[in-house]
C-alpha atoms as a PDB file:
ATOM      1  CA  UNK A   1     117.946 106.928 103.262  1.00  0.00           C
ATOM      2  CA  UNK A   2     114.768 108.970 103.707  1.00  0.00           C
ATOM      3  CA  UNK A   3     112.681 105.838 104.304  1.00  0.00           C
ATOM      4  CA  UNK A   4     115.229 104.433 106.768  1.00  0.00           C
ATOM      5  CA  UNK A   5     115.232 107.728 108.673  1.00  0.00           C
ATOM      6  CA  UNK A   6     111.422 107.682 108.722  1.00  0.00           C
ATOM      7  CA  UNK A   7     111.331 104.146 110.124  1.00  0.00           C
ATOM      8  CA  UNK A   8     113.999 104.761 112.775  1.00  0.00           C
ATOM      9  CA  UNK A   9     112.431 108.035 113.913  1.00  0.00           C
ATOM     10  CA  UNK A  10     108.831 107.096 113.321  1.00  0.00           C
ATOM     11  CA  UNK A  11     107.838 108.265 116.800  1.00  0.00           C
ATOM     12  CA  UNK A  12     108.916 111.807 115.967  1.00  0.00           C
ATOM     13  CA  UNK A  13     107.144 111.735 112.618  1.00  0.00           C
ATOM     14  CA  UNK A  14     103.916 110.493 114.178  1.00  0.00           C
ATOM     15  CA  UNK A  15     103.998 113.275 116.768  1.00  0.00           C
ATOM     16  CA  UNK A  16     104.646 115.813 114.004  1.00  0.00           C
ATOM     17  CA  UNK A  17     101.694 114.470 112.024  1.00  0.00           C
ATOM     18  CA  UNK A  18      99.481 114.407 115.107  1.00  0.00           C
ATOM     19  CA  UNK A  19     100.342 117.998 116.054  1.00  0.00           C
ATOM     20  CA  UNK A  20      99.782 119.160 112.477  1.00  0.00           C
ATOM     21  CA  UNK A  21      96.545 117.448 111.449  1.00  0.00           C
ATOM     22  CA  UNK A  22      94.983 116.288 114.716  1.00  0.00           C
ATOM     23  CA  UNK A  23      92.229 113.732 114.190  1.00  0.00           C
ATOM     24  CA  UNK A  24      93.250 113.174 110.571  1.00  0.00           C
ATOM     25  CA  UNK A  25      96.179 111.221 112.023  1.00  0.00           C
ATOM     26  CA  UNK A  26      93.867 108.213 112.322  1.00  0.00           C
ATOM     27  CA  UNK A  27      93.134 108.321 108.599  1.00  0.00           C
ATOM     28  CA  UNK A  28      96.730 108.953 107.479  1.00  0.00           C
ATOM     29  CA  UNK A  29      98.238 106.102 109.514  1.00  0.00           C
ATOM     30  CA  UNK A  30      95.424 103.716 108.567  1.00  0.00           C
ATOM     31  CA  UNK A  31      95.901 104.547 104.904  1.00  0.00           C
ATOM     32  CA  UNK A  32      99.629 103.712 105.157  1.00  0.00           C
ATOM     33  CA  UNK A  33      98.766 100.314 106.663  1.00  0.00           C
ATOM     34  CA  UNK A  34      96.153  99.706 103.960  1.00  0.00           C
ATOM     35  CA  UNK A  35      98.389 100.672 101.043  1.00  0.00           C
ATOM     36  CA  UNK A  36     101.312  98.590 102.364  1.00  0.00           C
ATOM     37  CA  UNK A  37      99.573  95.418 101.190  1.00  0.00           C
ATOM     38  CA  UNK A  38      96.704  96.581  98.983  1.00  0.00           C
ATOM     39  CA  UNK A  39      98.814  98.188  96.261  1.00  0.00           C
ATOM     40  CA  UNK A  40     101.383  95.338  95.998  1.00  0.00           C
ATOM     41  CA  UNK A  41     104.105  97.828  95.013  1.00  0.00           C
ATOM     42  CA  UNK A  42     104.729  99.279  98.505  1.00  0.00           C
ATOM     43  CA  UNK A  43     106.277  96.413 100.520  1.00  0.00           C
ATOM     44  CA  UNK A  44     108.848  98.786 102.039  1.00  0.00           C
ATOM     45  CA  UNK A  45     106.353 100.786 104.100  1.00  0.00           C
ATOM     46  CA  UNK A  46     106.765 100.437 107.892  1.00  0.00           C
ATOM     47  CA  UNK A  47     103.954  98.348 109.344  1.00  0.00           C
ATOM     48  CA  UNK A  48     105.001  96.914 112.709  1.00  0.00           C
ATOM     49  CA  UNK A  49     106.955  99.987 113.807  1.00  0.00           C
ATOM     50  CA  UNK A  50     104.114 102.310 112.805  1.00  0.00           C
ATOM     51  CA  UNK A  51     101.567 100.377 114.879  1.00  0.00           C
ATOM     52  CA  UNK A  52     103.949 100.292 117.836  1.00  0.00           C
ATOM     53  CA  UNK A  53     104.538 104.052 117.607  1.00  0.00           C
ATOM     54  CA  UNK A  54     100.805 104.725 117.237  1.00  0.00           C
ATOM     55  CA  UNK A  55     100.137 102.724 120.402  1.00  0.00           C
ATOM     56  CA  UNK A  56     102.744 104.784 122.245  1.00  0.00           C
ATOM     57  CA  UNK A  57     101.129 107.965 120.906  1.00  0.00           C
ATOM     58  CA  UNK A  58      97.731 106.889 122.253  1.00  0.00           C
ATOM     59  CA  UNK A  59      99.259 106.107 125.663  1.00  0.00           C
ATOM     60  CA  UNK A  60     100.739 109.596 125.985  1.00  0.00           C
ATOM     61  CA  UNK A  61      98.466 111.553 128.373  1.00  0.00           C
ATOM     62  CA  UNK A  62      99.318 114.801 126.582  1.00  0.00           C
ATOM     63  CA  UNK A  63      97.873 113.541 123.296  1.00  0.00           C
ATOM     64  CA  UNK A  64      94.161 113.038 122.731  1.00  0.00           C
ATOM     65  CA  UNK A  65      94.130 109.732 120.855  1.00  0.00           C
ATOM     66  CA  UNK A  66      92.294 106.498 121.615  1.00  0.00           C
ATOM     67  CA  UNK A  67      94.171 103.221 121.331  1.00  0.00           C
ATOM     68  CA  UNK A  68      90.882 101.361 120.736  1.00  0.00           C
ATOM     69  CA  UNK A  69      90.182 103.469 117.641  1.00  0.00           C
ATOM     70  CA  UNK A  70      93.733 102.928 116.373  1.00  0.00           C
ATOM     71  CA  UNK A  71      93.301  99.186 116.847  1.00  0.00           C
ATOM     72  CA  UNK A  72      89.967  99.034 115.014  1.00  0.00           C
ATOM     73  CA  UNK A  73      91.187 101.147 112.091  1.00  0.00           C
ATOM     74  CA  UNK A  74      94.476  99.259 111.780  1.00  0.00           C
ATOM     75  CA  UNK A  75      92.630  95.944 111.861  1.00  0.00           C
ATOM     76  CA  UNK A  76      90.224  97.036 109.111  1.00  0.00           C
ATOM     77  CA  UNK A  77      93.043  98.554 107.041  1.00  0.00           C
ATOM     78  CA  UNK A  78      95.169  95.403 107.252  1.00  0.00           C
ATOM     79  CA  UNK A  79      92.246  93.095 106.462  1.00  0.00           C
ATOM     80  CA  UNK A  80      90.960  95.177 103.545  1.00  0.00           C
ATOM     81  CA  UNK A  81      94.502  95.640 102.241  1.00  0.00           C
ATOM     82  CA  UNK A  82      95.120  91.891 102.204  1.00  0.00           C
ATOM     83  CA  UNK A  83      91.747  91.288 100.559  1.00  0.00           C
ATOM     84  CA  UNK A  84      92.420  93.822  97.789  1.00  0.00           C
ATOM     85  CA  UNK A  85      95.875  92.331  97.255  1.00  0.00           C
ATOM     86  CA  UNK A  86      94.386  88.831  97.015  1.00  0.00           C
ATOM     87  CA  UNK A  87      91.782  89.925  94.462  1.00  0.00           C
ATOM     88  CA  UNK A  88      94.433  91.698  92.381  1.00  0.00           C
ATOM     89  CA  UNK A  89      96.504  88.513  92.345  1.00  0.00           C
ATOM     90  CA  UNK A  90      93.440  86.385  91.554  1.00  0.00           C
ATOM     91  CA  UNK A  91      92.293  88.415  88.562  1.00  0.00           C
ATOM     92  CA  UNK A  92      95.384  90.264  87.325  1.00  0.00           C
ATOM     93  CA  UNK A  93      98.309  88.388  88.862  1.00  0.00           C
ATOM     94  CA  UNK A  94      99.965  86.820  85.845  1.00  0.00           C
ATOM     95  CA  UNK A  95      99.360  89.879  83.673  1.00  0.00           C
ATOM     96  CA  UNK A  96     101.063  92.163  86.200  1.00  0.00           C
ATOM     97  CA  UNK A  97     104.016  89.845  86.814  1.00  0.00           C
ATOM     98  CA  UNK A  98     104.917  89.934  83.111  1.00  0.00           C
ATOM     99  CA  UNK A  99     104.512  93.689  82.696  1.00  0.00           C
ATOM    100  CA  UNK A 100     107.849  95.582  82.295  1.00  0.00           C
ATOM    101  CA  UNK A 101     106.656  98.386  84.619  1.00  0.00           C
ATOM    102  CA  UNK A 102     105.763  95.926  87.371  1.00  0.00           C
ATOM    103  CA  UNK A 103     109.115  94.165  87.038  1.00  0.00           C
ATOM    104  CA  UNK A 104     110.957  97.456  87.538  1.00  0.00           C
ATOM    105  CA  UNK A 105     109.169  98.117  90.831  1.00  0.00           C
ATOM    106  CA  UNK A 106     108.885  94.579  92.203  1.00  0.00           C
ATOM    107  CA  UNK A 107     111.821  92.200  92.194  1.00  0.00           C
ATOM    108  CA  UNK A 108     111.084  88.750  90.853  1.00  0.00           C
ATOM    109  CA  UNK A 109     113.006  87.299  93.804  1.00  0.00           C
ATOM    110  CA  UNK A 110     110.452  88.794  96.206  1.00  0.00           C
ATOM    111  CA  UNK A 111     107.613  87.016  94.407  1.00  0.00           C
ATOM    112  CA  UNK A 112     109.554  83.738  94.407  1.00  0.00           C
ATOM    113  CA  UNK A 113     110.323  84.041  98.123  1.00  0.00           C
ATOM    114  CA  UNK A 114     106.647  84.581  98.838  1.00  0.00           C
ATOM    115  CA  UNK A 115     105.763  81.573  96.679  1.00  0.00           C
ATOM    116  CA  UNK A 116     108.255  79.383  98.557  1.00  0.00           C
ATOM    117  CA  UNK A 117     106.919  80.682 101.867  1.00  0.00           C
ATOM    118  CA  UNK A 118     103.349  79.964 100.777  1.00  0.00           C
ATOM    119  CA  UNK A 119     104.219  76.466  99.521  1.00  0.00           C
ATOM    120  CA  UNK A 120     106.103  75.631 102.716  1.00  0.00           C
ATOM    121  CA  UNK A 121     103.569  77.001 105.211  1.00  0.00           C
ATOM    122  CA  UNK A 122     100.393  76.392 103.243  1.00  0.00           C
ATOM    123  CA  UNK A 123      97.288  78.160 104.523  1.00  0.00           C
ATOM    124  CA  UNK A 124      99.161  79.141 107.690  1.00  0.00           C
ATOM    125  CA  UNK A 125     101.336  81.433 105.533  1.00  0.00           C
ATOM    126  CA  UNK A 126      98.419  83.853 105.299  1.00  0.00           C
ATOM    127  CA  UNK A 127      98.494  84.297 109.085  1.00  0.00           C
ATOM    128  CA  UNK A 128     102.235  83.996 109.672  1.00  0.00           C
ATOM    129  CA  UNK A 129     103.097  86.145 106.661  1.00  0.00           C
ATOM    130  CA  UNK A 130     101.291  89.125 108.217  1.00  0.00           C
ATOM    131  CA  UNK A 131     104.092  89.300 110.806  1.00  0.00           C
ATOM    132  CA  UNK A 132     106.912  89.379 108.249  1.00  0.00           C
ATOM    133  CA  UNK A 133     107.727  92.647 106.418  1.00  0.00           C
ATOM    134  CA  UNK A 134     107.806  92.407 102.601  1.00  0.00           C
ATOM    135  CA  UNK A 135     106.475  88.824 102.770  1.00  0.00           C
ATOM    136  CA  UNK A 136     103.137  90.133 104.088  1.00  0.00           C
ATOM    137  CA  UNK A 137     102.746  92.232 100.934  1.00  0.00           C
ATOM    138  CA  UNK A 138     103.266  89.329  98.554  1.00  0.00           C
ATOM    139  CA  UNK A 139     101.630  86.354 100.310  1.00  0.00           C
ATOM    140  CA  UNK A 140      98.047  87.545  99.590  1.00  0.00           C
ATOM    141  CA  UNK A 141      99.085  88.297  96.004  1.00  0.00           C
ATOM    142  CA  UNK A 142     100.583  84.815  95.570  1.00  0.00           C
ATOM    143  CA  UNK A 143      97.538  83.240  97.250  1.00  0.00           C
ATOM    144  CA  UNK A 144      95.350  85.009  94.691  1.00  0.00           C
ATOM    145  CA  UNK A 145      97.492  83.857  91.763  1.00  0.00           C
ATOM    146  CA  UNK A 146      97.319  80.263  93.025  1.00  0.00           C
ATOM    147  CA  UNK A 147      93.497  80.516  93.124  1.00  0.00           C
ATOM    148  CA  UNK A 148      93.361  79.813  96.869  1.00  0.00           C
ATOM    149  CA  UNK A 149      89.682  79.568  97.958  1.00  0.00           C
ATOM    150  CA  UNK A 150      88.350  83.051  98.728  1.00  0.00           C
ATOM    151  CA  UNK A 151      86.390  82.002 101.807  1.00  0.00           C
ATOM    152  CA  UNK A 152      89.391  80.270 103.373  1.00  0.00           C
ATOM    153  CA  UNK A 153      91.597  83.254 102.590  1.00  0.00           C
ATOM    154  CA  UNK A 154      89.180  85.700 104.232  1.00  0.00           C
ATOM    155  CA  UNK A 155      89.047  83.570 107.377  1.00  0.00           C
ATOM    156  CA  UNK A 156      92.844  83.413 107.672  1.00  0.00           C
ATOM    157  CA  UNK A 157      93.273  87.091 106.751  1.00  0.00           C
ATOM    158  CA  UNK A 158      90.759  88.065 109.435  1.00  0.00           C
ATOM    159  CA  UNK A 159      92.700  86.196 112.118  1.00  0.00           C
ATOM    160  CA  UNK A 160      96.009  87.624 110.862  1.00  0.00           C
ATOM    161  CA  UNK A 161      94.849  91.252 110.781  1.00  0.00           C
ATOM    162  CA  UNK A 162      93.088  90.999 114.151  1.00  0.00           C
ATOM    163  CA  UNK A 163      96.016  89.425 116.026  1.00  0.00           C
ATOM    164  CA  UNK A 164      98.696  91.579 114.342  1.00  0.00           C
ATOM    165  CA  UNK A 165      96.868  94.847 115.054  1.00  0.00           C
ATOM    166  CA  UNK A 166      96.177  93.889 118.659  1.00  0.00           C
ATOM    167  CA  UNK A 167      99.729  92.728 119.445  1.00  0.00           C
ATOM    168  CA  UNK A 168     101.622  95.527 117.665  1.00  0.00           C
ATOM    169  CA  UNK A 169      99.392  98.411 118.767  1.00  0.00           C
ATOM    170  CA  UNK A 170      98.936  96.982 122.266  1.00  0.00           C
ATOM    171  CA  UNK A 171     102.690  96.578 122.737  1.00  0.00           C
ATOM    172  CA  UNK A 172     103.257 100.217 121.861  1.00  0.00           C
ATOM    173  CA  UNK A 173     100.460 101.307 124.207  1.00  0.00           C
ATOM    174  CA  UNK A 174     101.820  99.280 127.128  1.00  0.00           C
ATOM    175  CA  UNK A 175     105.551  99.810 126.661  1.00  0.00           C
ATOM    176  CA  UNK A 176     106.054 102.694 124.232  1.00  0.00           C
ATOM    177  CA  UNK A 177     106.156 105.418 126.894  1.00  0.00           C
ATOM    178  CA  UNK A 178     108.364 103.650 129.419  1.00  0.00           C
ATOM    179  CA  UNK A 179     111.373 105.983 129.941  1.00  0.00           C
ATOM    180  CA  UNK A 180     113.896 103.350 128.832  1.00  0.00           C
ATOM    181  CA  UNK A 181     111.877 102.542 125.726  1.00  0.00           C
ATOM    182  CA  UNK A 182     111.475 106.231 124.847  1.00  0.00           C
ATOM    183  CA  UNK A 183     115.204 106.838 125.324  1.00  0.00           C
ATOM    184  CA  UNK A 184     116.120 103.917 123.062  1.00  0.00           C
ATOM    185  CA  UNK A 185     113.173 104.035 120.668  1.00  0.00           C
ATOM    186  CA  UNK A 186     115.290 103.877 117.500  1.00  0.00           C
ATOM    187  CA  UNK A 187     117.245 100.863 118.774  1.00  0.00           C
ATOM    188  CA  UNK A 188     114.008  99.084 119.696  1.00  0.00           C
ATOM    189  CA  UNK A 189     112.517  99.787 116.255  1.00  0.00           C
ATOM    190  CA  UNK A 190     115.668  98.326 114.675  1.00  0.00           C
ATOM    191  CA  UNK A 191     115.198  95.268 116.901  1.00  0.00           C
ATOM    192  CA  UNK A 192     111.552  94.925 115.864  1.00  0.00           C
ATOM    193  CA  UNK A 193     112.441  95.187 112.179  1.00  0.00           C
ATOM    194  CA  UNK A 194     115.345  92.733 112.573  1.00  0.00           C
ATOM    195  CA  UNK A 195     113.295  90.116 114.416  1.00  0.00           C
ATOM    196  CA  UNK A 196     110.418  90.318 111.937  1.00  0.00           C
ATOM    197  CA  UNK A 197     112.848  90.070 109.026  1.00  0.00           C
ATOM    198  CA  UNK A 198     114.540  86.904 110.319  1.00  0.00           C
ATOM    199  CA  UNK A 199     112.136  84.498 108.546  1.00  0.00           C
ATOM    200  CA  UNK A 200     112.655  86.422 105.300  1.00  0.00           C
ATOM    201  CA  UNK A 201     116.436  86.299 105.643  1.00  0.00           C
ATOM    202  CA  UNK A 202     116.280  82.601 106.432  1.00  0.00           C
ATOM    203  CA  UNK A 203     114.147  81.926 103.326  1.00  0.00           C
ATOM    204  CA  UNK A 204     116.519  84.006 101.217  1.00  0.00           C
ATOM    205  CA  UNK A 205     119.590  82.096 102.423  1.00  0.00           C
ATOM    206  CA  UNK A 206     117.799  78.788 101.832  1.00  0.00           C
ATOM    207  CA  UNK A 207     116.809  79.796  98.286  1.00  0.00           C
ATOM    208  CA  UNK A 208     120.397  80.895  97.516  1.00  0.00           C
ATOM    209  CA  UNK A 209     121.735  77.521  98.731  1.00  0.00           C
ATOM    210  CA  UNK A 210     119.199  75.636  96.620  1.00  0.00           C
ATOM    211  CA  UNK A 211     120.155  77.627  93.525  1.00  0.00           C
ATOM    212  CA  UNK A 212     123.843  76.864  94.071  1.00  0.00           C
ATOM    213  CA  UNK A 213     123.110  73.172  94.407  1.00  0.00           C
END
């Protein structure tokens, strides 16, 4: 419930953080984006909604934050997070998957869904997966386990992180402080989460049907 409340009221939390720590807000938000994918075990952290809220924060004339700096830091955090995740999967993937501790934190179904997504989309999954919560945490990991070429992965991850950071942060900067958007921020965040989760839900339903057959 605490995480759900954080996601739905992320605008308030970001303002609280900004008013409390000032410039350290850049580091704190960037670290959340980095750890969402880098650590493998935090797929539940809010990525899209956080970037959107950060863009809205930068657009607020009463707050002294630069959207360009948010964009650069989010891009680097996303790219480095995916790269770390890929390297973990490449060198430790199978060992982690079979560890009891890892199984308690990460559901085996999540790994399988990411594998199906990767098999279906191929190299494009690295770019498309960045836009799908939960899936974006496991696609680099699965790509590493499958020994996907490092150079090709870095190229796709670069495009994914660059486009995702620009679109999500830019959307918040352009639309986050429109009166209607501010008044219905929680509903819009729910909409963002729902839309980005649609591919995951579709893959889940498909996998359930295949198991039944």
